[in-house]
Amino acid sequence: MSQVFSNVKFSILDLAPVLEGYTPSHSFKNSADLARHAEKWGFHRYWLAEHHNMPGIASSATSLVISHVASHTKKIRVGAGGIMLPNHAPLVIAEQFGTLAALYPDRIDLGLGRAPGSDQATAYALRRTLNSSPEDFPLQVEELEGYFAGTERVKAIPGKGAEVPIWLLGSSDFSARLAAEKGLPFAFASHFSPDYTLPALRIYRENFQPSTHLEKPYVMVGVNIITAETNEKAKWLATSQQQQFLNLVRGAPSELMPPINDTDHAWNVYEKASVEKNTNSKATIIGDKQEVEEKLQSFIEETSADEVIINGQIYDHQDRLSSYKIIADIVMS
């Protein structure tokens, strides 16, 4: 194993993909199975993400899916990557994650994002108001911390005294600065915002203030990885993710679709350029074992990440398992 990999933890980000032709029940079954394998292969944590009004993502009730995954595993850390705090009353999140921590002690993480993760109509349906703003996020985080500490007048039961590590998630410099100010671990969404990765990490590290949570900065970066026995198969598997991204660009979010052989007829020249821009970043790696090893090592060296969280949008469950097994063989052998 490379010395670079030996100093880094590796984790999984699961969007609980809803496959074309299947139901969310199938998605949850697949998530539990992948988590069991991830635990066996040595991955450090397994996170699920909150999204709403997205036909291809089943993890909207994130805390429920976390409980489902945790109940099918024994020791791997399970958490949110993340909960979009502006969508919720902080008290409710404290109670939900206090409950999870009581059910699965020392295994639950809480990653917090400030973006709504949805359109305005969905945001209104979630909050019943559009008066709240992402700029309120620092106060919401402080309130949530108060419920866990038991310092708020209203007590979160369960929640008060719960040992739930809080992470701040971001795709820009806002959460990088806040995580640095509060001395919290920081996870950057490199997998969909690669251009801002290095500036955000620099801001976080340069402004970090030690706290009771951390003595020094701790950085996680997101990476898309799709790998297989050959480059050709990996590129073919990646057409599922490309189709999903294309439909998002078109304003018509879709379920995760099967791979296709002929991508030239799937999009026009402008759409192709948009897809390629998204998939040609250093934080999206598609290829065989050797290519993944080389590019992942390069990305870790560039970011000096403490942890890498890996997303793999692959249609067939066995191909998805195989991809993560190859990654495990690379970084943990």
C-alpha atoms as a PDB file:
ATOM      1  CA  MET A   1       0.000   0.000   0.000  1.00  0.00           C
ATOM      2  CA  SER A   2       1.188   3.503  -0.840  1.00  0.00           C
ATOM      3  CA  GLN A   3       2.464   5.574   2.087  1.00  0.00           C
ATOM      4  CA  VAL A   4      -0.019   8.247   0.978  1.00  0.00           C
ATOM      5  CA  PHE A   5      -2.947   5.870   1.460  1.00  0.00           C
ATOM      6  CA  SER A   6      -1.696   4.541   4.800  1.00  0.00           C
ATOM      7  CA  ASN A   7      -2.070   7.999   6.363  1.00  0.00           C
ATOM      8  CA  VAL A   8      -5.637   8.563   5.158  1.00  0.00           C
ATOM      9  CA  LYS A   9      -9.029   7.189   6.174  1.00  0.00           C
ATOM     10  CA  PHE A  10     -11.466   6.098   3.461  1.00  0.00           C
ATOM     11  CA  SER A  11     -15.231   6.284   3.698  1.00  0.00           C
ATOM     12  CA  ILE A  12     -18.354   5.944   1.542  1.00  0.00           C
ATOM     13  CA  LEU A  13     -20.992   8.512   0.581  1.00  0.00           C
ATOM     14  CA  ASP A  14     -24.242   6.825  -0.426  1.00  0.00           C
ATOM     15  CA  LEU A  15     -27.020   8.733  -2.198  1.00  0.00           C
ATOM     16  CA  ALA A  16     -29.248   5.641  -1.952  1.00  0.00           C
ATOM     17  CA  PRO A  17     -29.783   5.721  -5.720  1.00  0.00           C
ATOM     18  CA  VAL A  18     -33.217   4.823  -7.025  1.00  0.00           C
ATOM     19  CA  LEU A  19     -32.621   2.677 -10.088  1.00  0.00           C
ATOM     20  CA  GLU A  20     -34.775   2.928 -13.185  1.00  0.00           C
ATOM     21  CA  GLY A  21     -37.238   0.036 -13.021  1.00  0.00           C
ATOM     22  CA  TYR A  22     -36.917  -0.414  -9.245  1.00  0.00           C
ATOM     23  CA  THR A  23     -38.337   1.104  -6.054  1.00  0.00           C
ATOM     24  CA  PRO A  24     -36.810   2.857  -3.010  1.00  0.00           C
ATOM     25  CA  SER A  25     -37.238  -0.432  -1.112  1.00  0.00           C
ATOM     26  CA  HIS A  26     -34.645  -1.898  -3.466  1.00  0.00           C
ATOM     27  CA  SER A  27     -32.379   1.118  -2.831  1.00  0.00           C
ATOM     28  CA  PHE A  28     -32.461   0.620   0.931  1.00  0.00           C
ATOM     29  CA  LYS A  29     -31.737  -3.086   0.584  1.00  0.00           C
ATOM     30  CA  ASN A  30     -28.726  -2.250  -1.588  1.00  0.00           C
ATOM     31  CA  SER A  31     -27.491   0.403   0.854  1.00  0.00           C
ATOM     32  CA  ALA A  32     -27.565  -2.020   3.773  1.00  0.00           C
ATOM     33  CA  ASP A  33     -25.726  -4.636   1.727  1.00  0.00           C
ATOM     34  CA  LEU A  34     -23.062  -2.170   0.576  1.00  0.00           C
ATOM     35  CA  ALA A  35     -22.579  -0.979   4.170  1.00  0.00           C
ATOM     36  CA  ARG A  36     -22.067  -4.554   5.388  1.00  0.00           C
ATOM     37  CA  HIS A  37     -19.410  -5.080   2.729  1.00  0.00           C
ATOM     38  CA  ALA A  38     -17.828  -1.681   3.449  1.00  0.00           C
ATOM     39  CA  GLU A  39     -17.480  -2.622   7.103  1.00  0.00           C
ATOM     40  CA  LYS A  40     -15.845  -5.924   6.176  1.00  0.00           C
ATOM     41  CA  TRP A  41     -13.460  -4.253   3.726  1.00  0.00           C
ATOM     42  CA  GLY A  42     -12.276  -1.676   6.271  1.00  0.00           C
ATOM     43  CA  PHE A  43     -13.989   1.579   5.266  1.00  0.00           C
ATOM     44  CA  HIS A  44     -14.112   4.014   8.179  1.00  0.00           C
ATOM     45  CA  ARG A  45     -17.582   5.540   7.902  1.00  0.00           C
ATOM     46  CA  TYR A  46     -20.735   5.349   5.794  1.00  0.00           C
ATOM     47  CA  TRP A  47     -22.628   8.587   5.196  1.00  0.00           C
ATOM     48  CA  LEU A  48     -25.981   9.331   3.587  1.00  0.00           C
ATOM     49  CA  ALA A  49     -27.087  12.648   2.131  1.00  0.00           C
ATOM     50  CA  GLU A  50     -30.297  14.639   2.420  1.00  0.00           C
ATOM     51  CA  HIS A  51     -31.942  15.529  -0.900  1.00  0.00           C
ATOM     52  CA  HIS A  52     -35.581  16.249  -1.659  1.00  0.00           C
ATOM     53  CA  ASN A  53     -37.773  16.094  -4.761  1.00  0.00           C
ATOM     54  CA  MET A  54     -35.073  14.067  -6.559  1.00  0.00           C
ATOM     55  CA  PRO A  55     -36.420  10.942  -8.315  1.00  0.00           C
ATOM     56  CA  GLY A  56     -33.013   9.259  -8.205  1.00  0.00           C
ATOM     57  CA  ILE A  57     -32.212   9.707  -4.502  1.00  0.00           C
ATOM     58  CA  ALA A  58     -34.036   7.781  -1.770  1.00  0.00           C
ATOM     59  CA  SER A  59     -32.305   9.214   1.327  1.00  0.00           C
ATOM     60  CA  SER A  60     -34.619  12.194   1.919  1.00  0.00           C
ATOM     61  CA  ALA A  61     -35.574  10.927   5.416  1.00  0.00           C
ATOM     62  CA  THR A  62     -31.878  10.762   6.201  1.00  0.00           C
ATOM     63  CA  SER A  63     -31.985   9.888   9.891  1.00  0.00           C
ATOM     64  CA  LEU A  64     -34.299   6.933   9.173  1.00  0.00           C
ATOM     65  CA  VAL A  65     -31.963   5.551   6.522  1.00  0.00           C
ATOM     66  CA  ILE A  66     -28.992   6.041   8.866  1.00  0.00           C
ATOM     67  CA  SER A  67     -30.792   3.914  11.451  1.00  0.00           C
ATOM     68  CA  HIS A  68     -31.537   1.268   8.813  1.00  0.00           C
ATOM     69  CA  VAL A  69     -27.877   1.070   7.783  1.00  0.00           C
ATOM     70  CA  ALA A  70     -26.596   1.120  11.361  1.00  0.00           C
ATOM     71  CA  SER A  71     -28.958  -1.730  12.287  1.00  0.00           C
ATOM     72  CA  HIS A  72     -27.431  -3.903   9.538  1.00  0.00           C
ATOM     73  CA  THR A  73     -23.816  -3.214  10.590  1.00  0.00           C
ATOM     74  CA  LYS A  74     -21.857  -3.572  13.809  1.00  0.00           C
ATOM     75  CA  LYS A  75     -18.976  -1.118  14.062  1.00  0.00           C
ATOM     76  CA  ILE A  76     -18.629   1.153  11.017  1.00  0.00           C
ATOM     77  CA  ARG A  77     -19.502   4.775  11.753  1.00  0.00           C
ATOM     78  CA  VAL A  78     -22.755   5.863  10.109  1.00  0.00           C
ATOM     79  CA  GLY A  79     -23.941   9.398   9.628  1.00  0.00           C
ATOM     80  CA  ALA A  80     -25.226  12.277   7.556  1.00  0.00           C
ATOM     81  CA  GLY A  81     -23.250  13.815   4.786  1.00  0.00           C
ATOM     82  CA  GLY A  82     -25.223  15.812   5.343  1.00  0.00           C
ATOM     83  CA  ILE A  83     -28.311  17.186   6.982  1.00  0.00           C
ATOM     84  CA  MET A  84     -29.308  20.522   5.396  1.00  0.00           C
ATOM     85  CA  LEU A  85     -29.889  22.381   8.641  1.00  0.00           C
ATOM     86  CA  PRO A  86     -31.902  25.307   7.171  1.00  0.00           C
ATOM     87  CA  ASN A  87     -34.615  22.764   6.299  1.00  0.00           C
ATOM     88  CA  HIS A  88     -35.165  21.794   9.941  1.00  0.00           C
ATOM     89  CA  ALA A  89     -35.699  23.045  13.458  1.00  0.00           C
ATOM     90  CA  PRO A  90     -32.361  22.407  15.229  1.00  0.00           C
ATOM     91  CA  LEU A  91     -34.289  20.878  18.155  1.00  0.00           C
ATOM     92  CA  VAL A  92     -35.698  18.167  15.879  1.00  0.00           C
ATOM     93  CA  ILE A  93     -32.234  17.314  14.545  1.00  0.00           C
ATOM     94  CA  ALA A  94     -30.861  17.167  18.110  1.00  0.00           C
ATOM     95  CA  GLU A  95     -33.651  14.767  19.068  1.00  0.00           C
ATOM     96  CA  GLN A  96     -33.218  12.610  15.960  1.00  0.00           C
ATOM     97  CA  PHE A  97     -29.455  12.286  16.300  1.00  0.00           C
ATOM     98  CA  GLY A  98     -29.671  11.981  20.067  1.00  0.00           C
ATOM     99  CA  THR A  99     -31.962   9.024  19.445  1.00  0.00           C
ATOM    100  CA  LEU A 100     -29.546   7.534  16.908  1.00  0.00           C
ATOM    101  CA  ALA A 101     -26.648   7.961  19.346  1.00  0.00           C
ATOM    102  CA  ALA A 102     -28.657   6.198  22.059  1.00  0.00           C
ATOM    103  CA  LEU A 103     -29.462   3.313  19.708  1.00  0.00           C
ATOM    104  CA  TYR A 104     -25.960   3.015  18.210  1.00  0.00           C
ATOM    105  CA  PRO A 105     -23.461   4.413  20.758  1.00  0.00           C
ATOM    106  CA  ASP A 106     -20.149   5.844  19.483  1.00  0.00           C
ATOM    107  CA  ARG A 107     -21.099   5.232  15.848  1.00  0.00           C
ATOM    108  CA  ILE A 108     -23.142   8.255  14.729  1.00  0.00           C
ATOM    109  CA  ASP A 109     -21.828  11.338  12.862  1.00  0.00           C
ATOM    110  CA  LEU A 110     -23.709  14.519  12.008  1.00  0.00           C
ATOM    111  CA  GLY A 111     -22.520  16.446   8.971  1.00  0.00           C
ATOM    112  CA  LEU A 112     -24.310  19.769   8.463  1.00  0.00           C
ATOM    113  CA  GLY A 113     -24.823  21.735   5.271  1.00  0.00           C
ATOM    114  CA  ARG A 114     -26.323  25.196   4.812  1.00  0.00           C
ATOM    115  CA  ALA A 115     -27.701  24.807   1.278  1.00  0.00           C
ATOM    116  CA  PRO A 116     -31.408  23.913   0.987  1.00  0.00           C
ATOM    117  CA  GLY A 117     -30.588  21.017  -1.354  1.00  0.00           C
ATOM    118  CA  SER A 118     -33.759  21.697  -3.301  1.00  0.00           C
ATOM    119  CA  ASP A 119     -35.685  24.222  -5.368  1.00  0.00           C
ATOM    120  CA  GLN A 120     -37.797  27.019  -3.861  1.00  0.00           C
ATOM    121  CA  ALA A 121     -41.072  25.105  -4.065  1.00  0.00           C
ATOM    122  CA  THR A 122     -39.527  22.161  -2.232  1.00  0.00           C
ATOM    123  CA  ALA A 123     -37.896  24.456   0.313  1.00  0.00           C
ATOM    124  CA  TYR A 124     -41.298  26.009   1.018  1.00  0.00           C
ATOM    125  CA  ALA A 125     -42.891  22.576   1.359  1.00  0.00           C
ATOM    126  CA  LEU A 126     -40.219  21.628   3.900  1.00  0.00           C
ATOM    127  CA  ARG A 127     -40.164  24.824   5.946  1.00  0.00           C
ATOM    128  CA  ARG A 128     -43.600  26.388   5.243  1.00  0.00           C
ATOM    129  CA  THR A 129     -41.696  29.648   4.782  1.00  0.00           C
ATOM    130  CA  LEU A 130     -38.889  31.074   2.675  1.00  0.00           C
ATOM    131  CA  ASN A 131     -37.951  33.681   5.287  1.00  0.00           C
ATOM    132  CA  SER A 132     -35.054  31.641   6.640  1.00  0.00           C
ATOM    133  CA  SER A 133     -31.739  32.112   4.896  1.00  0.00           C
ATOM    134  CA  PRO A 134     -28.521  30.142   4.572  1.00  0.00           C
ATOM    135  CA  GLU A 135     -26.947  33.172   6.269  1.00  0.00           C
ATOM    136  CA  ASP A 136     -28.740  32.065   9.465  1.00  0.00           C
ATOM    137  CA  PHE A 137     -26.687  28.869   9.439  1.00  0.00           C
ATOM    138  CA  PRO A 138     -24.099  29.873  12.105  1.00  0.00           C
ATOM    139  CA  LEU A 139     -26.877  30.636  14.603  1.00  0.00           C
ATOM    140  CA  GLN A 140     -28.625  27.359  13.780  1.00  0.00           C
ATOM    141  CA  VAL A 141     -25.405  25.413  14.362  1.00  0.00           C
ATOM    142  CA  GLU A 142     -24.898  27.198  17.676  1.00  0.00           C
ATOM    143  CA  GLU A 143     -28.463  26.393  18.725  1.00  0.00           C
ATOM    144  CA  LEU A 144     -28.010  22.727  17.792  1.00  0.00           C
ATOM    145  CA  GLU A 145     -24.777  22.567  19.800  1.00  0.00           C
ATOM    146  CA  GLY A 146     -26.679  24.045  22.731  1.00  0.00           C
ATOM    147  CA  TYR A 147     -29.248  21.247  22.632  1.00  0.00           C
ATOM    148  CA  PHE A 148     -26.517  18.613  22.702  1.00  0.00           C
ATOM    149  CA  ALA A 149     -24.756  20.461  25.547  1.00  0.00           C
ATOM    150  CA  GLY A 150     -28.011  20.906  27.460  1.00  0.00           C
ATOM    151  CA  THR A 151     -27.577  24.691  27.730  1.00  0.00           C
ATOM    152  CA  GLU A 152     -30.778  25.666  25.882  1.00  0.00           C
ATOM    153  CA  ARG A 153     -33.932  26.376  27.906  1.00  0.00           C
ATOM    154  CA  VAL A 154     -35.772  23.682  25.952  1.00  0.00           C
ATOM    155  CA  LYS A 155     -34.141  20.273  26.456  1.00  0.00           C
ATOM    156  CA  ALA A 156     -33.666  17.733  23.683  1.00  0.00           C
ATOM    157  CA  ILE A 157     -34.664  14.321  25.039  1.00  0.00           C
ATOM    158  CA  PRO A 158     -32.895  12.256  23.701  1.00  0.00           C
ATOM    159  CA  GLY A 159     -30.129  14.609  22.630  1.00  0.00           C
ATOM    160  CA  LYS A 160     -28.934  16.343  25.780  1.00  0.00           C
ATOM    161  CA  GLY A 161     -25.466  15.030  26.547  1.00  0.00           C
ATOM    162  CA  ALA A 162     -25.297  12.949  23.370  1.00  0.00           C
ATOM    163  CA  GLU A 163     -21.792  12.426  21.986  1.00  0.00           C
ATOM    164  CA  VAL A 164     -22.478  13.162  18.318  1.00  0.00           C
ATOM    165  CA  PRO A 165     -19.502  14.604  16.402  1.00  0.00           C
ATOM    166  CA  ILE A 166     -20.578  17.598  14.303  1.00  0.00           C
ATOM    167  CA  TRP A 167     -18.960  18.228  10.926  1.00  0.00           C
ATOM    168  CA  LEU A 168     -19.487  21.219   8.677  1.00  0.00           C
ATOM    169  CA  LEU A 169     -19.919  20.487   4.976  1.00  0.00           C
ATOM    170  CA  GLY A 170     -19.348  22.931   2.170  1.00  0.00           C
ATOM    171  CA  SER A 171     -18.850  23.577  -1.523  1.00  0.00           C
ATOM    172  CA  SER A 172     -17.574  27.150  -1.077  1.00  0.00           C
ATOM    173  CA  ASP A 173     -15.611  29.164   1.474  1.00  0.00           C
ATOM    174  CA  PHE A 174     -18.518  29.997   3.835  1.00  0.00           C
ATOM    175  CA  SER A 175     -18.543  26.735   5.799  1.00  0.00           C
ATOM    176  CA  ALA A 176     -14.746  26.540   5.549  1.00  0.00           C
ATOM    177  CA  ARG A 177     -14.482  29.779   7.521  1.00  0.00           C
ATOM    178  CA  LEU A 178     -17.164  28.749  10.012  1.00  0.00           C
ATOM    179  CA  ALA A 179     -15.601  25.316  10.603  1.00  0.00           C
ATOM    180  CA  ALA A 180     -12.242  26.984  11.177  1.00  0.00           C
ATOM    181  CA  GLU A 181     -13.739  29.511  13.598  1.00  0.00           C
ATOM    182  CA  LYS A 182     -15.537  26.799  15.598  1.00  0.00           C
ATOM    183  CA  GLY A 183     -12.703  24.268  15.499  1.00  0.00           C
ATOM    184  CA  LEU A 184     -14.822  21.615  13.779  1.00  0.00           C
ATOM    185  CA  PRO A 185     -13.862  19.013  11.163  1.00  0.00           C
ATOM    186  CA  PHE A 186     -14.576  20.151   7.602  1.00  0.00           C
ATOM    187  CA  ALA A 187     -15.792  18.078   4.656  1.00  0.00           C
ATOM    188  CA  PHE A 188     -15.548  19.679   1.225  1.00  0.00           C
ATOM    189  CA  ALA A 189     -17.766  18.557  -1.659  1.00  0.00           C
ATOM    190  CA  SER A 190     -14.940  18.236  -4.172  1.00  0.00           C
ATOM    191  CA  HIS A 191     -16.939  15.642  -6.067  1.00  0.00           C
ATOM    192  CA  PHE A 192     -19.322  18.303  -7.386  1.00  0.00           C
ATOM    193  CA  SER A 193     -17.414  21.530  -6.739  1.00  0.00           C
ATOM    194  CA  PRO A 194     -13.820  20.642  -7.673  1.00  0.00           C
ATOM    195  CA  ASP A 195     -12.665  24.126  -8.698  1.00  0.00           C
ATOM    196  CA  TYR A 196     -13.118  25.532  -5.181  1.00  0.00           C
ATOM    197  CA  THR A 197     -11.460  22.669  -3.329  1.00  0.00           C
ATOM    198  CA  LEU A 198      -7.971  24.027  -2.762  1.00  0.00           C
ATOM    199  CA  PRO A 199      -9.028  27.625  -1.940  1.00  0.00           C
ATOM    200  CA  ALA A 200     -11.597  26.373   0.608  1.00  0.00           C
ATOM    201  CA  LEU A 201      -9.131  23.993   2.256  1.00  0.00           C
ATOM    202  CA  ARG A 202      -6.515  26.739   2.460  1.00  0.00           C
ATOM    203  CA  ILE A 203      -8.992  29.105   4.158  1.00  0.00           C
ATOM    204  CA  TYR A 204      -9.987  26.391   6.634  1.00  0.00           C
ATOM    205  CA  ARG A 205      -6.427  25.456   7.557  1.00  0.00           C
ATOM    206  CA  GLU A 206      -5.087  29.012   7.769  1.00  0.00           C
ATOM    207  CA  ASN A 207      -7.936  30.207  10.017  1.00  0.00           C
ATOM    208  CA  PHE A 208      -8.438  27.117  12.179  1.00  0.00           C
ATOM    209  CA  GLN A 209      -8.922  27.758  15.901  1.00  0.00           C
ATOM    210  CA  PRO A 210      -8.269  24.777  18.231  1.00  0.00           C
ATOM    211  CA  SER A 211     -11.305  23.719  20.240  1.00  0.00           C
ATOM    212  CA  THR A 212     -12.544  21.040  22.606  1.00  0.00           C
ATOM    213  CA  HIS A 213     -13.486  19.122  19.436  1.00  0.00           C
ATOM    214  CA  LEU A 214     -10.158  19.306  17.584  1.00  0.00           C
ATOM    215  CA  GLU A 215      -6.618  20.407  18.294  1.00  0.00           C
ATOM    216  CA  LYS A 216      -5.740  20.776  14.618  1.00  0.00           C
ATOM    217  CA  PRO A 217      -7.594  20.948  11.279  1.00  0.00           C
ATOM    218  CA  TYR A 218      -9.197  17.779   9.939  1.00  0.00           C
ATOM    219  CA  VAL A 219     -10.168  17.695   6.260  1.00  0.00           C
ATOM    220  CA  MET A 220     -12.366  15.271   4.355  1.00  0.00           C
ATOM    221  CA  VAL A 221     -12.719  15.547   0.574  1.00  0.00           C
ATOM    222  CA  GLY A 222     -15.365  13.978  -1.647  1.00  0.00           C
ATOM    223  CA  VAL A 223     -14.368  11.995  -4.733  1.00  0.00           C
ATOM    224  CA  ASN A 224     -16.412  10.251  -7.426  1.00  0.00           C
ATOM    225  CA  ILE A 225     -14.823   6.913  -8.287  1.00  0.00           C
ATOM    226  CA  ILE A 226     -16.083   4.329 -10.751  1.00  0.00           C
ATOM    227  CA  THR A 227     -13.730   1.450 -11.392  1.00  0.00           C
ATOM    228  CA  ALA A 228     -13.832  -2.005 -12.963  1.00  0.00           C
ATOM    229  CA  GLU A 229     -11.540  -4.673 -14.393  1.00  0.00           C
ATOM    230  CA  THR A 230     -10.885  -2.571 -17.512  1.00  0.00           C
ATOM    231  CA  ASN A 231     -10.952   1.091 -18.452  1.00  0.00           C
ATOM    232  CA  GLU A 232     -13.581   0.316 -21.057  1.00  0.00           C
ATOM    233  CA  LYS A 233     -15.995  -1.221 -18.572  1.00  0.00           C
ATOM    234  CA  ALA A 234     -15.437   1.574 -16.041  1.00  0.00           C
ATOM    235  CA  LYS A 235     -16.249   4.196 -18.694  1.00  0.00           C
ATOM    236  CA  TRP A 236     -19.346   2.229 -19.691  1.00  0.00           C
ATOM    237  CA  LEU A 237     -20.525   2.015 -16.075  1.00  0.00           C
ATOM    238  CA  ALA A 238     -19.972   5.762 -15.726  1.00  0.00           C
ATOM    239  CA  THR A 239     -22.539   6.515 -18.422  1.00  0.00           C
ATOM    240  CA  SER A 240     -25.243   5.988 -15.770  1.00  0.00           C
ATOM    241  CA  GLN A 241     -23.859   8.873 -13.710  1.00  0.00           C
ATOM    242  CA  GLN A 242     -23.397  10.944 -16.859  1.00  0.00           C
ATOM    243  CA  GLN A 243     -27.015  10.444 -17.897  1.00  0.00           C
ATOM    244  CA  GLN A 244     -28.208  11.429 -14.447  1.00  0.00           C
ATOM    245  CA  PHE A 245     -26.092  14.584 -14.500  1.00  0.00           C
ATOM    246  CA  LEU A 246     -27.314  15.397 -18.009  1.00  0.00           C
ATOM    247  CA  ASN A 247     -30.950  15.122 -16.942  1.00  0.00           C
ATOM    248  CA  LEU A 248     -30.207  17.416 -14.004  1.00  0.00           C
ATOM    249  CA  VAL A 249     -28.711  19.964 -16.407  1.00  0.00           C
ATOM    250  CA  ARG A 250     -31.847  19.675 -18.527  1.00  0.00           C
ATOM    251  CA  GLY A 251     -34.008  20.438 -15.506  1.00  0.00           C
ATOM    252  CA  ALA A 252     -35.520  16.955 -15.501  1.00  0.00           C
ATOM    253  CA  PRO A 253     -33.939  14.980 -12.639  1.00  0.00           C
ATOM    254  CA  SER A 254     -34.182  11.244 -13.208  1.00  0.00           C
ATOM    255  CA  GLU A 255     -33.677   7.886 -11.594  1.00  0.00           C
ATOM    256  CA  LEU A 256     -30.271   6.286 -12.088  1.00  0.00           C
ATOM    257  CA  MET A 257     -30.417   4.723 -15.531  1.00  0.00           C
ATOM    258  CA  PRO A 258     -28.628   1.667 -16.949  1.00  0.00           C
ATOM    259  CA  PRO A 259     -25.346   2.221 -18.806  1.00  0.00           C
ATOM    260  CA  ILE A 260     -25.519   2.921 -22.532  1.00  0.00           C
ATOM    261  CA  ASN A 261     -23.156   2.013 -25.356  1.00  0.00           C
ATOM    262  CA  ASP A 262     -23.604   5.066 -27.577  1.00  0.00           C
ATOM    263  CA  THR A 263     -23.334   8.354 -25.712  1.00  0.00           C
ATOM    264  CA  ASP A 264     -23.037  10.478 -28.872  1.00  0.00           C
ATOM    265  CA  HIS A 265     -26.765  10.147 -29.463  1.00  0.00           C
ATOM    266  CA  ALA A 266     -27.645  10.869 -25.823  1.00  0.00           C
ATOM    267  CA  TRP A 267     -26.763  14.575 -25.889  1.00  0.00           C
ATOM    268  CA  ASN A 268     -25.936  17.474 -28.184  1.00  0.00           C
ATOM    269  CA  VAL A 269     -22.508  19.051 -28.433  1.00  0.00           C
ATOM    270  CA  TYR A 270     -23.211  21.650 -25.722  1.00  0.00           C
ATOM    271  CA  GLU A 271     -24.607  19.094 -23.313  1.00  0.00           C
ATOM    272  CA  LYS A 272     -21.638  16.821 -23.986  1.00  0.00           C
ATOM    273  CA  ALA A 273     -19.252  19.633 -23.080  1.00  0.00           C
ATOM    274  CA  SER A 274     -21.132  20.241 -19.824  1.00  0.00           C
ATOM    275  CA  VAL A 275     -21.041  16.553 -18.897  1.00  0.00           C
ATOM    276  CA  GLU A 276     -17.360  16.240 -19.750  1.00  0.00           C
ATOM    277  CA  LYS A 277     -16.509  19.329 -17.693  1.00  0.00           C
ATOM    278  CA  ASN A 278     -18.181  17.685 -14.708  1.00  0.00           C
ATOM    279  CA  THR A 279     -16.562  14.281 -15.197  1.00  0.00           C
ATOM    280  CA  ASN A 280     -13.064  15.386 -16.213  1.00  0.00           C
ATOM    281  CA  SER A 281     -12.112  16.965 -12.881  1.00  0.00           C
ATOM    282  CA  LYS A 282      -9.459  15.551 -10.572  1.00  0.00           C
ATOM    283  CA  ALA A 283     -12.246  14.653  -8.128  1.00  0.00           C
ATOM    284  CA  THR A 284     -13.929  12.295 -10.592  1.00  0.00           C
ATOM    285  CA  ILE A 285     -11.885   9.187 -11.332  1.00  0.00           C
ATOM    286  CA  ILE A 286     -13.049   6.622 -13.882  1.00  0.00           C
ATOM    287  CA  GLY A 287     -10.838   3.739 -14.917  1.00  0.00           C
ATOM    288  CA  ASP A 288      -9.222   0.443 -14.018  1.00  0.00           C
ATOM    289  CA  LYS A 289      -7.342  -0.286 -10.806  1.00  0.00           C
ATOM    290  CA  GLN A 290      -4.046   1.224 -11.959  1.00  0.00           C
ATOM    291  CA  GLU A 291      -5.619   4.456 -13.185  1.00  0.00           C
ATOM    292  CA  VAL A 292      -7.659   4.879 -10.004  1.00  0.00           C
ATOM    293  CA  GLU A 293      -4.611   4.267  -7.830  1.00  0.00           C
ATOM    294  CA  GLU A 294      -2.511   6.845  -9.680  1.00  0.00           C
ATOM    295  CA  LYS A 295      -5.166   9.560  -9.846  1.00  0.00           C
ATOM    296  CA  LEU A 296      -6.404   9.063  -6.282  1.00  0.00           C
ATOM    297  CA  GLN A 297      -2.872   9.256  -4.924  1.00  0.00           C
ATOM    298  CA  SER A 298      -2.293  12.455  -6.895  1.00  0.00           C
ATOM    299  CA  PHE A 299      -5.502  14.027  -5.590  1.00  0.00           C
ATOM    300  CA  ILE A 300      -4.675  13.176  -1.989  1.00  0.00           C
ATOM    301  CA  GLU A 301      -1.172  14.595  -2.362  1.00  0.00           C
ATOM    302  CA  GLU A 302      -2.622  17.794  -3.829  1.00  0.00           C
ATOM    303  CA  THR A 303      -5.241  18.275  -1.089  1.00  0.00           C
ATOM    304  CA  SER A 304      -3.327  16.762   1.874  1.00  0.00           C
ATOM    305  CA  ALA A 305      -6.678  15.313   2.933  1.00  0.00           C
ATOM    306  CA  ASP A 306      -7.014  13.420   6.202  1.00  0.00           C
ATOM    307  CA  GLU A 307      -9.960  11.449   4.851  1.00  0.00           C
ATOM    308  CA  VAL A 308     -11.555  10.698   1.487  1.00  0.00           C
ATOM    309  CA  ILE A 309     -15.256   9.961   1.119  1.00  0.00           C
ATOM    310  CA  ILE A 310     -16.134   8.135  -2.076  1.00  0.00           C
ATOM    311  CA  ASN A 311     -19.315   8.300  -4.120  1.00  0.00           C
ATOM    312  CA  GLY A 312     -19.934   5.730  -6.858  1.00  0.00           C
ATOM    313  CA  GLN A 313     -23.141   6.094  -8.855  1.00  0.00           C
ATOM    314  CA  ILE A 314     -23.303   2.671 -10.510  1.00  0.00           C
ATOM    315  CA  TYR A 315     -26.544   1.094 -11.725  1.00  0.00           C
ATOM    316  CA  ASP A 316     -25.940  -2.608 -11.153  1.00  0.00           C
ATOM    317  CA  HIS A 317     -25.474  -3.472  -7.483  1.00  0.00           C
ATOM    318  CA  GLN A 318     -22.878  -6.174  -8.123  1.00  0.00           C
ATOM    319  CA  ASP A 319     -20.855  -3.781 -10.276  1.00  0.00           C
ATOM    320  CA  ARG A 320     -21.121  -1.202  -7.493  1.00  0.00           C
ATOM    321  CA  LEU A 321     -19.849  -3.695  -4.929  1.00  0.00           C
ATOM    322  CA  SER A 322     -17.034  -4.690  -7.269  1.00  0.00           C
ATOM    323  CA  SER A 323     -16.005  -1.053  -7.712  1.00  0.00           C
ATOM    324  CA  TYR A 324     -15.741  -0.445  -3.973  1.00  0.00           C
ATOM    325  CA  LYS A 325     -13.911  -3.747  -3.488  1.00  0.00           C
ATOM    326  CA  ILE A 326     -11.286  -2.687  -6.039  1.00  0.00           C
ATOM    327  CA  ILE A 327     -10.933   0.640  -4.200  1.00  0.00           C
ATOM    328  CA  ALA A 328     -10.521  -1.200  -0.893  1.00  0.00           C
ATOM    329  CA  ASP A 329      -7.853  -3.413  -2.447  1.00  0.00           C
ATOM    330  CA  ILE A 330      -5.998  -0.285  -3.587  1.00  0.00           C
ATOM    331  CA  VAL A 331      -6.075   1.734  -0.374  1.00  0.00           C
ATOM    332  CA  MET A 332      -6.205  -0.886   2.358  1.00  0.00           C
ATOM    333  CA  SER A 333      -4.088  -3.784   1.138  1.00  0.00           C
END
